[in-house]
Amino acid sequence: EAVEKEMAYYSNHFSGETVTSVFIGGGTPSVLTGPQLKKL
């Protein structure tokens, strides 16, 4: 939920930017459940 809020905050600052690559790191991202990963 906090990650969603942070992304929403920055979406206003970078609305004209295109994201060319994404890296989800950790930690261990694969400990999330399927629904949690889908939400992210």
PDB file of all heavy atoms in Angstrom:
ATOM      1  N   GLU A   1       0.838  -1.203   0.000  1.00  0.00           N
ATOM      2  CA  GLU A   1       0.000   0.000   0.000  1.00  0.00           C
ATOM      3  C   GLU A   1       0.872   1.252   0.000  1.00  0.00           C
ATOM      4  O   GLU A   1       0.577   2.232  -0.699  1.00  0.00           O
ATOM      5  CB  GLU A   1      -0.920   0.002   1.214  1.00  0.00           C
ATOM      6  CG  GLU A   1      -2.027  -1.039   1.178  1.00  0.00           C
ATOM      7  CD  GLU A   1      -2.817  -1.081   2.476  1.00  0.00           C
ATOM      8  OE1 GLU A   1      -2.574  -0.213   3.351  1.00  0.00           O
ATOM      9  OE2 GLU A   1      -3.671  -1.973   2.627  1.00  0.00           O
ATOM     10  N   ALA A   2       1.953   1.222   0.791  1.00  0.00           N
ATOM     11  CA  ALA A   2       2.867   2.364   0.826  1.00  0.00           C
ATOM     12  C   ALA A   2       3.574   2.523  -0.514  1.00  0.00           C
ATOM     13  O   ALA A   2       3.764   3.653  -1.005  1.00  0.00           O
ATOM     14  CB  ALA A   2       3.885   2.181   1.950  1.00  0.00           C
ATOM     15  N   VAL A   3       3.973   1.422  -1.127  1.00  0.00           N
ATOM     16  CA  VAL A   3       4.611   1.471  -2.451  1.00  0.00           C
ATOM     17  C   VAL A   3       3.656   2.097  -3.467  1.00  0.00           C
ATOM     18  O   VAL A   3       4.053   2.935  -4.293  1.00  0.00           O
ATOM     19  CB  VAL A   3       5.047   0.053  -2.886  1.00  0.00           C
ATOM     20  CG1 VAL A   3       5.376   0.015  -4.380  1.00  0.00           C
ATOM     21  CG2 VAL A   3       6.246  -0.406  -2.070  1.00  0.00           C
ATOM     22  N   GLU A   4       2.380   1.703  -3.415  1.00  0.00           N
ATOM     23  CA  GLU A   4       1.388   2.285  -4.325  1.00  0.00           C
ATOM     24  C   GLU A   4       1.293   3.804  -4.121  1.00  0.00           C
ATOM     25  O   GLU A   4       1.257   4.573  -5.091  1.00  0.00           O
ATOM     26  CB  GLU A   4       0.025   1.648  -4.089  1.00  0.00           C
ATOM     27  CG  GLU A   4      -1.069   2.240  -4.975  1.00  0.00           C
ATOM     28  CD  GLU A   4      -2.452   1.706  -4.636  1.00  0.00           C
ATOM     29  OE1 GLU A   4      -2.589   0.975  -3.641  1.00  0.00           O
ATOM     30  OE2 GLU A   4      -3.395   2.043  -5.377  1.00  0.00           O
ATOM     31  N   LYS A   5       1.285   4.244  -2.881  1.00  0.00           N
ATOM     32  CA  LYS A   5       1.195   5.682  -2.600  1.00  0.00           C
ATOM     33  C   LYS A   5       2.439   6.418  -3.098  1.00  0.00           C
ATOM     34  O   LYS A   5       2.341   7.526  -3.637  1.00  0.00           O
ATOM     35  CB  LYS A   5       1.017   5.914  -1.104  1.00  0.00           C
ATOM     36  CG  LYS A   5      -0.318   5.467  -0.544  1.00  0.00           C
ATOM     37  CD  LYS A   5      -0.378   5.674   0.966  1.00  0.00           C
ATOM     38  CE  LYS A   5      -1.686   5.189   1.556  1.00  0.00           C
ATOM     39  NZ  LYS A   5      -1.715   5.331   3.035  1.00  0.00           N
ATOM     40  N   GLU A   6       3.601   5.803  -2.907  1.00  0.00           N
ATOM     41  CA  GLU A   6       4.830   6.458  -3.378  1.00  0.00           C
ATOM     42  C   GLU A   6       4.828   6.550  -4.896  1.00  0.00           C
ATOM     43  O   GLU A   6       5.197   7.596  -5.467  1.00  0.00           O
ATOM     44  CB  GLU A   6       6.069   5.716  -2.883  1.00  0.00           C
ATOM     45  CG  GLU A   6       7.349   6.474  -3.238  1.00  0.00           C
ATOM     46  CD  GLU A   6       8.621   5.759  -2.843  1.00  0.00           C
ATOM     47  OE1 GLU A   6       8.574   4.549  -2.553  1.00  0.00           O
ATOM     48  OE2 GLU A   6       9.688   6.417  -2.840  1.00  0.00           O
ATOM     49  N   MET A   7       4.419   5.491  -5.574  1.00  0.00           N
ATOM     50  CA  MET A   7       4.362   5.535  -7.036  1.00  0.00           C
ATOM     51  C   MET A   7       3.373   6.592  -7.508  1.00  0.00           C
ATOM     52  O   MET A   7       3.641   7.320  -8.473  1.00  0.00           O
ATOM     53  CB  MET A   7       3.997   4.156  -7.589  1.00  0.00           C
ATOM     54  CG  MET A   7       5.124   3.142  -7.450  1.00  0.00           C
ATOM     55  SD  MET A   7       4.896   1.607  -8.411  1.00  0.00           S
ATOM     56  CE  MET A   7       3.468   0.898  -7.607  1.00  0.00           C
ATOM     57  N   ALA A   8       2.224   6.693  -6.828  1.00  0.00           N
ATOM     58  CA  ALA A   8       1.233   7.697  -7.208  1.00  0.00           C
ATOM     59  C   ALA A   8       1.801   9.106  -7.046  1.00  0.00           C
ATOM     60  O   ALA A   8       1.546   9.991  -7.875  1.00  0.00           O
ATOM     61  CB  ALA A   8      -0.030   7.523  -6.369  1.00  0.00           C
ATOM     62  N   TYR A   9       2.573   9.315  -5.983  1.00  0.00           N
ATOM     63  CA  TYR A   9       3.190  10.623  -5.754  1.00  0.00           C
ATOM     64  C   TYR A   9       4.129  10.985  -6.910  1.00  0.00           C
ATOM     65  O   TYR A   9       4.068  12.089  -7.470  1.00  0.00           O
ATOM     66  CB  TYR A   9       3.948  10.616  -4.436  1.00  0.00           C
ATOM     67  CG  TYR A   9       4.817  11.839  -4.211  1.00  0.00           C
ATOM     68  CD1 TYR A   9       4.278  13.024  -3.755  1.00  0.00           C
ATOM     69  CD2 TYR A   9       6.187  11.793  -4.479  1.00  0.00           C
ATOM     70  CE1 TYR A   9       5.071  14.153  -3.561  1.00  0.00           C
ATOM     71  CE2 TYR A   9       6.990  12.908  -4.294  1.00  0.00           C
ATOM     72  CZ  TYR A   9       6.429  14.090  -3.835  1.00  0.00           C
ATOM     73  OH  TYR A   9       7.229  15.201  -3.655  1.00  0.00           O
ATOM     74  N   TYR A  10       4.987  10.056  -7.287  1.00  0.00           N
ATOM     75  CA  TYR A  10       5.969  10.351  -8.326  1.00  0.00           C
ATOM     76  C   TYR A  10       5.353  10.357  -9.724  1.00  0.00           C
ATOM     77  O   TYR A  10       5.928  10.946 -10.647  1.00  0.00           O
ATOM     78  CB  TYR A  10       7.139   9.375  -8.252  1.00  0.00           C
ATOM     79  CG  TYR A  10       8.096   9.704  -7.128  1.00  0.00           C
ATOM     80  CD1 TYR A  10       8.242   8.851  -6.038  1.00  0.00           C
ATOM     81  CD2 TYR A  10       8.845  10.881  -7.145  1.00  0.00           C
ATOM     82  CE1 TYR A  10       9.105   9.161  -4.997  1.00  0.00           C
ATOM     83  CE2 TYR A  10       9.710  11.195  -6.120  1.00  0.00           C
ATOM     84  CZ  TYR A  10       9.834  10.332  -5.042  1.00  0.00           C
ATOM     85  OH  TYR A  10      10.688  10.648  -4.015  1.00  0.00           O
ATOM     86  N   SER A  11       4.206   9.708  -9.878  1.00  0.00           N
ATOM     87  CA  SER A  11       3.574   9.714 -11.204  1.00  0.00           C
ATOM     88  C   SER A  11       3.219  11.130 -11.641  1.00  0.00           C
ATOM     89  O   SER A  11       3.239  11.447 -12.834  1.00  0.00           O
ATOM     90  CB  SER A  11       2.324   8.830 -11.193  1.00  0.00           C
ATOM     91  OG  SER A  11       1.303   9.413 -10.396  1.00  0.00           O
ATOM     92  N   ASN A  12       2.917  11.989 -10.684  1.00  0.00           N
ATOM     93  CA  ASN A  12       2.604  13.382 -11.014  1.00  0.00           C
ATOM     94  C   ASN A  12       3.846  14.150 -11.447  1.00  0.00           C
ATOM     95  O   ASN A  12       3.751  15.102 -12.221  1.00  0.00           O
ATOM     96  CB  ASN A  12       1.966  14.067  -9.808  1.00  0.00           C
ATOM     97  CG  ASN A  12       0.642  13.457  -9.416  1.00  0.00           C
ATOM     98  OD1 ASN A  12      -0.137  13.076 -10.280  1.00  0.00           O
ATOM     99  ND2 ASN A  12       0.378  13.335  -8.116  1.00  0.00           N
ATOM    100  N   HIS A  13       5.008  13.753 -10.915  1.00  0.00           N
ATOM    101  CA  HIS A  13       6.244  14.454 -11.246  1.00  0.00           C
ATOM    102  C   HIS A  13       6.854  13.962 -12.571  1.00  0.00           C
ATOM    103  O   HIS A  13       7.621  14.687 -13.201  1.00  0.00           O
ATOM    104  CB  HIS A  13       7.276  14.269 -10.126  1.00  0.00           C
ATOM    105  CG  HIS A  13       6.903  14.966  -8.850  1.00  0.00           C
ATOM    106  ND1 HIS A  13       5.876  14.548  -8.031  1.00  0.00           N
ATOM    107  CD2 HIS A  13       7.431  16.078  -8.256  1.00  0.00           C
ATOM    108  CE1 HIS A  13       5.777  15.361  -6.990  1.00  0.00           C
ATOM    109  NE2 HIS A  13       6.709  16.286  -7.098  1.00  0.00           N
ATOM    110  N   PHE A  14       6.530  12.741 -12.967  1.00  0.00           N
ATOM    111  CA  PHE A  14       7.156  12.162 -14.158  1.00  0.00           C
ATOM    112  C   PHE A  14       6.101  11.717 -15.170  1.00  0.00           C
ATOM    113  O   PHE A  14       6.290  10.717 -15.863  1.00  0.00           O
ATOM    114  CB  PHE A  14       8.038  10.973 -13.749  1.00  0.00           C
ATOM    115  CG  PHE A  14       9.152  11.345 -12.815  1.00  0.00           C
ATOM    116  CD1 PHE A  14       9.078  11.019 -11.468  1.00  0.00           C
ATOM    117  CD2 PHE A  14      10.261  12.038 -13.269  1.00  0.00           C
ATOM    118  CE1 PHE A  14      10.096  11.369 -10.595  1.00  0.00           C
ATOM    119  CE2 PHE A  14      11.285  12.390 -12.405  1.00  0.00           C
ATOM    120  CZ  PHE A  14      11.203  12.062 -11.063  1.00  0.00           C
ATOM    121  N   SER A  15       5.029  12.478 -15.256  1.00  0.00           N
ATOM    122  CA  SER A  15       3.922  12.099 -16.139  1.00  0.00           C
ATOM    123  C   SER A  15       4.347  12.092 -17.605  1.00  0.00           C
ATOM    124  O   SER A  15       3.764  11.372 -18.424  1.00  0.00           O
ATOM    125  CB  SER A  15       2.739  13.044 -15.937  1.00  0.00           C
ATOM    126  OG  SER A  15       3.125  14.397 -16.177  1.00  0.00           O
ATOM    127  N   GLY A  16       5.354  12.875 -17.951  1.00  0.00           N
ATOM    128  CA  GLY A  16       5.803  12.914 -19.345  1.00  0.00           C
ATOM    129  C   GLY A  16       6.920  11.950 -19.657  1.00  0.00           C
ATOM    130  O   GLY A  16       7.376  11.875 -20.810  1.00  0.00           O
ATOM    131  N   GLU A  17       7.366  11.198 -18.653  1.00  0.00           N
ATOM    132  CA  GLU A  17       8.486  10.276 -18.840  1.00  0.00           C
ATOM    133  C   GLU A  17       7.992   8.890 -19.248  1.00  0.00           C
ATOM    134  O   GLU A  17       6.922   8.439 -18.824  1.00  0.00           O
ATOM    135  CB  GLU A  17       9.289  10.150 -17.540  1.00  0.00           C
ATOM    136  CG  GLU A  17       9.973  11.434 -17.102  1.00  0.00           C
ATOM    137  CD  GLU A  17      11.267  11.686 -17.849  1.00  0.00           C
ATOM    138  OE1 GLU A  17      11.711  10.772 -18.567  1.00  0.00           O
ATOM    139  OE2 GLU A  17      11.820  12.789 -17.715  1.00  0.00           O
ATOM    140  N   THR A  18       8.808   8.223 -20.044  1.00  0.00           N
ATOM    141  CA  THR A  18       8.549   6.827 -20.399  1.00  0.00           C
ATOM    142  C   THR A  18       9.548   5.947 -19.683  1.00  0.00           C
ATOM    143  O   THR A  18      10.757   6.193 -19.738  1.00  0.00           O
ATOM    144  CB  THR A  18       8.654   6.612 -21.919  1.00  0.00           C
ATOM    145  OG1 THR A  18       7.642   7.371 -22.572  1.00  0.00           O
ATOM    146  CG2 THR A  18       8.485   5.140 -22.272  1.00  0.00           C
ATOM    147  N   VAL A  19       9.050   4.937 -18.990  1.00  0.00           N
ATOM    148  CA  VAL A  19       9.912   3.989 -18.282  1.00  0.00           C
ATOM    149  C   VAL A  19      10.346   2.918 -19.274  1.00  0.00           C
ATOM    150  O   VAL A  19       9.514   2.200 -19.841  1.00  0.00           O
ATOM    151  CB  VAL A  19       9.168   3.354 -17.089  1.00  0.00           C
ATOM    152  CG1 VAL A  19      10.019   2.258 -16.453  1.00  0.00           C
ATOM    153  CG2 VAL A  19       8.818   4.432 -16.065  1.00  0.00           C
ATOM    154  N   THR A  20      11.652   2.809 -19.489  1.00  0.00           N
ATOM    155  CA  THR A  20      12.183   1.875 -20.491  1.00  0.00           C
ATOM    156  C   THR A  20      12.563   0.527 -19.898  1.00  0.00           C
ATOM    157  O   THR A  20      12.675  -0.455 -20.627  1.00  0.00           O
ATOM    158  CB  THR A  20      13.411   2.482 -21.182  1.00  0.00           C
ATOM    159  OG1 THR A  20      14.393   2.823 -20.182  1.00  0.00           O
ATOM    160  CG2 THR A  20      13.028   3.735 -21.955  1.00  0.00           C
ATOM    161  N   SER A  21      12.787   0.481 -18.586  1.00  0.00           N
ATOM    162  CA  SER A  21      13.076  -0.799 -17.935  1.00  0.00           C
ATOM    163  C   SER A  21      12.667  -0.724 -16.477  1.00  0.00           C
ATOM    164  O   SER A  21      12.689   0.350 -15.866  1.00  0.00           O
ATOM    165  CB  SER A  21      14.559  -1.173 -18.054  1.00  0.00           C
ATOM    166  OG  SER A  21      15.351  -0.364 -17.219  1.00  0.00           O
ATOM    167  N   VAL A  22      12.283  -1.886 -15.950  1.00  0.00           N
ATOM    168  CA  VAL A  22      11.866  -2.011 -14.549  1.00  0.00           C
ATOM    169  C   VAL A  22      12.652  -3.168 -13.948  1.00  0.00           C
ATOM    170  O   VAL A  22      12.833  -4.211 -14.582  1.00  0.00           O
ATOM    171  CB  VAL A  22      10.357  -2.293 -14.432  1.00  0.00           C
ATOM    172  CG1 VAL A  22       9.951  -2.449 -12.964  1.00  0.00           C
ATOM    173  CG2 VAL A  22       9.537  -1.214 -15.118  1.00  0.00           C
ATOM    174  N   PHE A  23      13.104  -2.979 -12.713  1.00  0.00           N
ATOM    175  CA  PHE A  23      13.775  -4.068 -11.998  1.00  0.00           C
ATOM    176  C   PHE A  23      13.160  -4.162 -10.608  1.00  0.00           C
ATOM    177  O   PHE A  23      13.192  -3.202  -9.841  1.00  0.00           O
ATOM    178  CB  PHE A  23      15.278  -3.818 -11.889  1.00  0.00           C
ATOM    179  CG  PHE A  23      16.075  -5.051 -11.554  1.00  0.00           C
ATOM    180  CD1 PHE A  23      16.746  -5.760 -12.543  1.00  0.00           C
ATOM    181  CD2 PHE A  23      16.146  -5.516 -10.247  1.00  0.00           C
ATOM    182  CE1 PHE A  23      17.476  -6.905 -12.241  1.00  0.00           C
ATOM    183  CE2 PHE A  23      16.871  -6.650  -9.935  1.00  0.00           C
ATOM    184  CZ  PHE A  23      17.543  -7.357 -10.929  1.00  0.00           C
ATOM    185  N   ILE A  24      12.578  -5.317 -10.301  1.00  0.00           N
ATOM    186  CA  ILE A  24      12.003  -5.573  -8.978  1.00  0.00           C
ATOM    187  C   ILE A  24      13.001  -6.432  -8.219  1.00  0.00           C
ATOM    188  O   ILE A  24      13.233  -7.591  -8.567  1.00  0.00           O
ATOM    189  CB  ILE A  24      10.640  -6.270  -9.100  1.00  0.00           C
ATOM    190  CG1 ILE A  24       9.696  -5.434  -9.975  1.00  0.00           C
ATOM    191  CG2 ILE A  24      10.032  -6.493  -7.719  1.00  0.00           C
ATOM    192  CD1 ILE A  24       8.402  -6.146 -10.346  1.00  0.00           C
ATOM    193  N   GLY A  25      13.627  -5.833  -7.209  1.00  0.00           N
ATOM    194  CA  GLY A  25      14.690  -6.520  -6.496  1.00  0.00           C
ATOM    195  C   GLY A  25      14.381  -6.680  -5.023  1.00  0.00           C
ATOM    196  O   GLY A  25      13.321  -6.298  -4.537  1.00  0.00           O
ATOM    197  N   GLY A  26      15.338  -7.231  -4.310  1.00  0.00           N
ATOM    198  CA  GLY A  26      15.096  -7.483  -2.895  1.00  0.00           C
ATOM    199  C   GLY A  26      16.371  -7.700  -2.124  1.00  0.00           C
ATOM    200  O   GLY A  26      17.449  -7.331  -2.589  1.00  0.00           O
ATOM    201  N   GLY A  27      16.207  -8.359  -0.979  1.00  0.00           N
ATOM    202  CA  GLY A  27      15.066  -9.158  -0.626  1.00  0.00           C
ATOM    203  C   GLY A  27      14.779 -10.271  -1.638  1.00  0.00           C
ATOM    204  O   GLY A  27      15.563 -10.610  -2.486  1.00  0.00           O
ATOM    205  N   THR A  28      13.568 -10.788  -1.494  1.00  0.00           N
ATOM    206  CA  THR A  28      13.119 -11.873  -2.353  1.00  0.00           C
ATOM    207  C   THR A  28      11.711 -11.561  -2.857  1.00  0.00           C
ATOM    208  O   THR A  28      10.723 -11.867  -2.181  1.00  0.00           O
ATOM    209  CB  THR A  28      13.112 -13.211  -1.578  1.00  0.00           C
ATOM    210  OG1 THR A  28      14.378 -13.395  -0.937  1.00  0.00           O
ATOM    211  CG2 THR A  28      12.852 -14.378  -2.514  1.00  0.00           C
ATOM    212  N   PRO A  29      11.590 -10.934  -4.034  1.00  0.00           N
ATOM    213  CA  PRO A  29      10.251 -10.622  -4.553  1.00  0.00           C
ATOM    214  C   PRO A  29       9.353 -11.852  -4.686  1.00  0.00           C
ATOM    215  O   PRO A  29       8.123 -11.734  -4.591  1.00  0.00           O
ATOM    216  CB  PRO A  29      10.556 -10.002  -5.923  1.00  0.00           C
ATOM    217  CG  PRO A  29      11.914  -9.401  -5.761  1.00  0.00           C
ATOM    218  CD  PRO A  29      12.656 -10.349  -4.864  1.00  0.00           C
ATOM    219  N   SER A  30       9.941 -13.036  -4.873  1.00  0.00           N
ATOM    220  CA  SER A  30       9.115 -14.231  -5.075  1.00  0.00           C
ATOM    221  C   SER A  30       8.499 -14.759  -3.787  1.00  0.00           C
ATOM    222  O   SER A  30       7.788 -15.770  -3.822  1.00  0.00           O
ATOM    223  CB  SER A  30       9.919 -15.333  -5.773  1.00  0.00           C
ATOM    224  OG  SER A  30      11.131 -15.607  -5.092  1.00  0.00           O
ATOM    225  N   VAL A  31       8.730 -14.104  -2.635  1.00  0.00           N
ATOM    226  CA  VAL A  31       7.984 -14.500  -1.424  1.00  0.00           C
ATOM    227  C   VAL A  31       6.596 -13.865  -1.406  1.00  0.00           C
ATOM    228  O   VAL A  31       5.757 -14.249  -0.594  1.00  0.00           O
ATOM    229  CB  VAL A  31       8.727 -14.129  -0.111  1.00  0.00           C
ATOM    230  CG1 VAL A  31      10.056 -14.846  -0.029  1.00  0.00           C
ATOM    231  CG2 VAL A  31       8.876 -12.622   0.045  1.00  0.00           C
ATOM    232  N   LEU A  32       6.340 -12.901  -2.294  1.00  0.00           N
ATOM    233  CA  LEU A  32       4.997 -12.335  -2.389  1.00  0.00           C
ATOM    234  C   LEU A  32       4.033 -13.394  -2.924  1.00  0.00           C
ATOM    235  O   LEU A  32       4.429 -14.305  -3.654  1.00  0.00           O
ATOM    236  CB  LEU A  32       4.989 -11.128  -3.321  1.00  0.00           C
ATOM    237  CG  LEU A  32       5.824  -9.908  -2.910  1.00  0.00           C
ATOM    238  CD1 LEU A  32       5.726  -8.833  -3.980  1.00  0.00           C
ATOM    239  CD2 LEU A  32       5.402  -9.367  -1.551  1.00  0.00           C
ATOM    240  N   THR A  33       2.767 -13.262  -2.574  1.00  0.00           N
ATOM    241  CA  THR A  33       1.754 -14.130  -3.154  1.00  0.00           C
ATOM    242  C   THR A  33       1.454 -13.668  -4.576  1.00  0.00           C
ATOM    243  O   THR A  33       1.814 -12.549  -4.979  1.00  0.00           O
ATOM    244  CB  THR A  33       0.460 -14.093  -2.335  1.00  0.00           C
ATOM    245  OG1 THR A  33      -0.105 -12.763  -2.418  1.00  0.00           O
ATOM    246  CG2 THR A  33       0.711 -14.461  -0.881  1.00  0.00           C
ATOM    247  N   GLY A  34       0.761 -14.519  -5.337  1.00  0.00           N
ATOM    248  CA  GLY A  34       0.359 -14.120  -6.678  1.00  0.00           C
ATOM    249  C   GLY A  34      -0.473 -12.848  -6.683  1.00  0.00           C
ATOM    250  O   GLY A  34      -0.182 -11.915  -7.448  1.00  0.00           O
ATOM    251  N   PRO A  35      -1.514 -12.746  -5.845  1.00  0.00           N
ATOM    252  CA  PRO A  35      -2.308 -11.509  -5.811  1.00  0.00           C
ATOM    253  C   PRO A  35      -1.488 -10.286  -5.406  1.00  0.00           C
ATOM    254  O   PRO A  35      -1.726  -9.182  -5.912  1.00  0.00           O
ATOM    255  CB  PRO A  35      -3.398 -11.815  -4.778  1.00  0.00           C
ATOM    256  CG  PRO A  35      -3.556 -13.303  -4.841  1.00  0.00           C
ATOM    257  CD  PRO A  35      -2.175 -13.830  -5.081  1.00  0.00           C
ATOM    258  N   GLN A  36      -0.550 -10.453  -4.493  1.00  0.00           N
ATOM    259  CA  GLN A  36       0.281  -9.317  -4.095  1.00  0.00           C
ATOM    260  C   GLN A  36       1.153  -8.849  -5.255  1.00  0.00           C
ATOM    261  O   GLN A  36       1.284  -7.636  -5.494  1.00  0.00           O
ATOM    262  CB  GLN A  36       1.156  -9.705  -2.904  1.00  0.00           C
ATOM    263  CG  GLN A  36       0.393  -9.807  -1.592  1.00  0.00           C
ATOM    264  CD  GLN A  36       1.214 -10.401  -0.472  1.00  0.00           C
ATOM    265  OE1 GLN A  36       2.200 -11.111  -0.695  1.00  0.00           O
ATOM    266  NE2 GLN A  36       0.811 -10.137   0.767  1.00  0.00           N
ATOM    267  N   LEU A  37       1.746  -9.778  -6.003  1.00  0.00           N
ATOM    268  CA  LEU A  37       2.553  -9.390  -7.153  1.00  0.00           C
ATOM    269  C   LEU A  37       1.686  -8.727  -8.216  1.00  0.00           C
ATOM    270  O   LEU A  37       2.098  -7.713  -8.813  1.00  0.00           O
ATOM    271  CB  LEU A  37       3.268 -10.611  -7.731  1.00  0.00           C
ATOM    272  CG  LEU A  37       4.146 -10.321  -8.952  1.00  0.00           C
ATOM    273  CD1 LEU A  37       5.296  -9.381  -8.583  1.00  0.00           C
ATOM    274  CD2 LEU A  37       4.682 -11.609  -9.568  1.00  0.00           C
ATOM    275  N   LYS A  38       0.495  -9.263  -8.451  1.00  0.00           N
ATOM    276  CA  LYS A  38      -0.401  -8.654  -9.439  1.00  0.00           C
ATOM    277  C   LYS A  38      -0.746  -7.226  -9.044  1.00  0.00           C
ATOM    278  O   LYS A  38      -0.748  -6.322  -9.899  1.00  0.00           O
ATOM    279  CB  LYS A  38      -1.679  -9.488  -9.569  1.00  0.00           C
ATOM    280  CG  LYS A  38      -2.664  -8.906 -10.577  1.00  0.00           C
ATOM    281  CD  LYS A  38      -3.900  -9.773 -10.709  1.00  0.00           C
ATOM    282  CE  LYS A  38      -4.873  -9.162 -11.709  1.00  0.00           C
ATOM    283  NZ  LYS A  38      -6.090 -10.009 -11.883  1.00  0.00           N
ATOM    284  N   LYS A  39      -1.026  -7.003  -7.768  1.00  0.00           N
ATOM    285  CA  LYS A  39      -1.330  -5.645  -7.306  1.00  0.00           C
ATOM    286  C   LYS A  39      -0.160  -4.703  -7.578  1.00  0.00           C
ATOM    287  O   LYS A  39      -0.338  -3.586  -8.075  1.00  0.00           O
ATOM    288  CB  LYS A  39      -1.653  -5.650  -5.815  1.00  0.00           C
ATOM    289  CG  LYS A  39      -1.752  -4.243  -5.206  1.00  0.00           C
ATOM    290  CD  LYS A  39      -2.016  -4.265  -3.717  1.00  0.00           C
ATOM    291  CE  LYS A  39      -1.798  -2.890  -3.087  1.00  0.00           C
ATOM    292  NZ  LYS A  39      -2.490  -1.789  -3.785  1.00  0.00           N
ATOM    293  N   LEU A  40       1.048  -5.160  -7.240  1.00  0.00           N
ATOM    294  CA  LEU A  40       2.235  -4.330  -7.449  1.00  0.00           C
ATOM    295  C   LEU A  40       2.374  -3.938  -8.915  1.00  0.00           C
ATOM    296  O   LEU A  40       2.607  -2.759  -9.243  1.00  0.00           O
ATOM    297  CB  LEU A  40       3.477  -5.084  -6.974  1.00  0.00           C
ATOM    298  CG  LEU A  40       4.825  -4.417  -7.253  1.00  0.00           C
ATOM    299  CD1 LEU A  40       4.966  -3.133  -6.454  1.00  0.00           C
ATOM    300  CD2 LEU A  40       5.972  -5.372  -6.937  1.00  0.00           C
TER     301      LEU A  40
END
